[in-house]
C-alpha atoms as a PDB file:
ATOM      1  CA  GLN A   1       9.822  16.933 -11.065  1.00  0.00           C
ATOM      2  CA  PRO A   2       9.410  20.547 -12.270  1.00  0.00           C
ATOM      3  CA  MET A   3       9.336  23.190  -9.675  1.00  0.00           C
ATOM      4  CA  ALA A   4       9.537  26.683 -10.183  1.00  0.00           C
ATOM      5  CA  LEU A   5       8.196  28.106 -13.486  1.00  0.00           C
ATOM      6  CA  LYS A   6       9.405  31.289 -15.312  1.00  0.00           C
ATOM      7  CA  ALA A   7       7.066  33.570 -16.992  1.00  0.00           C
ATOM      8  CA  ASP A   8       7.244  31.636 -20.596  1.00  0.00           C
ATOM      9  CA  ALA A   9       5.990  28.424 -18.438  1.00  0.00           C
ATOM     10  CA  VAL A  10       9.802  26.762 -18.332  1.00  0.00           C
ATOM     11  CA  SER A  11      10.723  25.059 -15.158  1.00  0.00           C
ATOM     12  CA  ALA A  12      13.493  27.189 -13.531  1.00  0.00           C
ATOM     13  CA  GLN A  13      14.075  24.417 -10.909  1.00  0.00           C
ATOM     14  CA  THR A  14      13.704  20.747 -11.182  1.00  0.00           C
ATOM     15  CA  ARG A  15      13.548  18.455  -7.979  1.00  0.00           C
ATOM     16  CA  LEU A  16      14.929  15.342  -7.343  1.00  0.00           C
ATOM     17  CA  THR A  17      13.264  12.942  -4.999  1.00  0.00           C
ATOM     18  CA  VAL A  18      14.399   9.667  -3.306  1.00  0.00           C
ATOM     19  CA  ALA A  19      12.240   7.459  -1.302  1.00  0.00           C
ATOM     20  CA  VAL A  20      12.641   4.111   0.588  1.00  0.00           C
ATOM     21  CA  LYS A  21      10.423   2.084   2.867  1.00  0.00           C
ATOM     22  CA  ILE A  22      12.172   0.562   5.842  1.00  0.00           C
ATOM     23  CA  ARG A  23      11.078  -2.169   8.350  1.00  0.00           C
ATOM     24  CA  CYS A  24      12.939  -2.302  11.530  1.00  0.00           C
ATOM     25  CA  ARG A  25      12.646  -5.303  13.505  1.00  0.00           C
ATOM     26  CA  ASN A  26      13.102  -5.800  17.109  1.00  0.00           C
ATOM     27  CA  PHE A  27      13.636  -9.381  18.245  1.00  0.00           C
ATOM     28  CA  LYS A  28      13.981  -8.428  21.971  1.00  0.00           C
ATOM     29  CA  ASP A  29      11.133  -6.935  21.899  1.00  0.00           C
ATOM     30  CA  PRO A  30       8.643  -7.130  18.733  1.00  0.00           C
ATOM     31  CA  LYS A  31       6.377  -4.603  19.905  1.00  0.00           C
ATOM     32  CA  LYS A  32       8.958  -2.083  18.976  1.00  0.00           C
ATOM     33  CA  ASP A  33       9.056  -3.252  15.382  1.00  0.00           C
ATOM     34  CA  TRP A  34       8.518  -0.335  13.094  1.00  0.00           C
ATOM     35  CA  GLU A  35       7.936  -0.055   9.532  1.00  0.00           C
ATOM     36  CA  GLN A  36       8.354   3.754   7.601  1.00  0.00           C
ATOM     37  CA  SER A  37       8.674   5.389   4.212  1.00  0.00           C
ATOM     38  CA  PHE A  38      11.626   7.998   4.302  1.00  0.00           C
ATOM     39  CA  SER A  39      11.859  10.457   1.292  1.00  0.00           C
ATOM     40  CA  ALA A  40      14.059  13.200   0.929  1.00  0.00           C
ATOM     41  CA  TYR A  41      15.146  15.776  -1.929  1.00  0.00           C
ATOM     42  CA  GLN A  42      17.464  18.121  -3.636  1.00  0.00           C
ATOM     43  CA  ASP A  43      16.576  21.086  -5.957  1.00  0.00           C
ATOM     44  CA  TYR A  44      18.881  21.857  -9.003  1.00  0.00           C
ATOM     45  CA  ASP A  45      18.900  24.674 -11.826  1.00  0.00           C
ATOM     46  CA  SER A  46      16.939  23.126 -14.698  1.00  0.00           C
ATOM     47  CA  GLU A  47      19.962  24.690 -16.746  1.00  0.00           C
ATOM     48  CA  ASN A  48      21.689  21.668 -15.436  1.00  0.00           C
ATOM     49  CA  ASN A  49      21.304  18.310 -16.991  1.00  0.00           C
ATOM     50  CA  LEU A  50      20.705  15.748 -14.264  1.00  0.00           C
ATOM     51  CA  SER A  51      23.373  13.531 -15.645  1.00  0.00           C
ATOM     52  CA  ASP A  52      26.039  16.436 -14.567  1.00  0.00           C
ATOM     53  CA  VAL A  53      24.439  16.889 -11.236  1.00  0.00           C
ATOM     54  CA  GLU A  54      22.892  13.699 -10.406  1.00  0.00           C
ATOM     55  CA  ASP A  55      26.064  12.236  -8.067  1.00  0.00           C
ATOM     56  CA  GLU A  56      26.613  15.138  -6.173  1.00  0.00           C
ATOM     57  CA  LEU A  57      22.689  15.441  -5.505  1.00  0.00           C
ATOM     58  CA  VAL A  58      22.244  11.542  -4.730  1.00  0.00           C
ATOM     59  CA  GLU A  59      24.881  11.972  -2.252  1.00  0.00           C
ATOM     60  CA  GLN A  60      23.339  14.912  -0.439  1.00  0.00           C
ATOM     61  CA  ILE A  61      19.702  12.708  -0.341  1.00  0.00           C
ATOM     62  CA  VAL A  62      21.313   9.674   0.982  1.00  0.00           C
ATOM     63  CA  ASP A  63      22.830  11.702   3.937  1.00  0.00           C
ATOM     64  CA  GLU A  64      19.725  13.185   4.731  1.00  0.00           C
ATOM     65  CA  LEU A  65      18.012   9.732   4.774  1.00  0.00           C
ATOM     66  CA  THR A  66      20.842   8.422   6.278  1.00  0.00           C
ATOM     67  CA  GLU A  67      20.423  10.508   8.953  1.00  0.00           C
ATOM     68  CA  ASN A  68      16.570  10.523   9.361  1.00  0.00           C
ATOM     69  CA  ILE A  69      16.588   6.705   9.497  1.00  0.00           C
ATOM     70  CA  PHE A  70      19.229   6.474  11.878  1.00  0.00           C
ATOM     71  CA  ASN A  71      17.008   9.242  14.209  1.00  0.00           C
ATOM     72  CA  LYS A  72      14.380   6.851  13.949  1.00  0.00           C
ATOM     73  CA  ALA A  73      15.893   3.513  14.509  1.00  0.00           C
ATOM     74  CA  PHE A  74      17.586   4.953  17.772  1.00  0.00           C
ATOM     75  CA  ALA A  75      15.674   7.717  19.133  1.00  0.00           C
ATOM     76  CA  ASP A  76      14.527   5.421  21.753  1.00  0.00           C
ATOM     77  CA  TRP A  77      17.640   4.435  23.443  1.00  0.00           C
END
């Protein structure tokens, strides 16, 4: 999605967002089951083609999502 518009109404930055929905089930204590959506994003210069920066951006996004999901899943251990 376009983020920062320049004076000529052209986007200077674009945002790549990834969202996932996680359901965690605790078979020993079903009261601790949870379901939550997580999303993370990275902005990149609109002068770049997405296919040129996609691998790096997705890796950064997945790292952030993994950390957020891990923290949610194991916060009460």
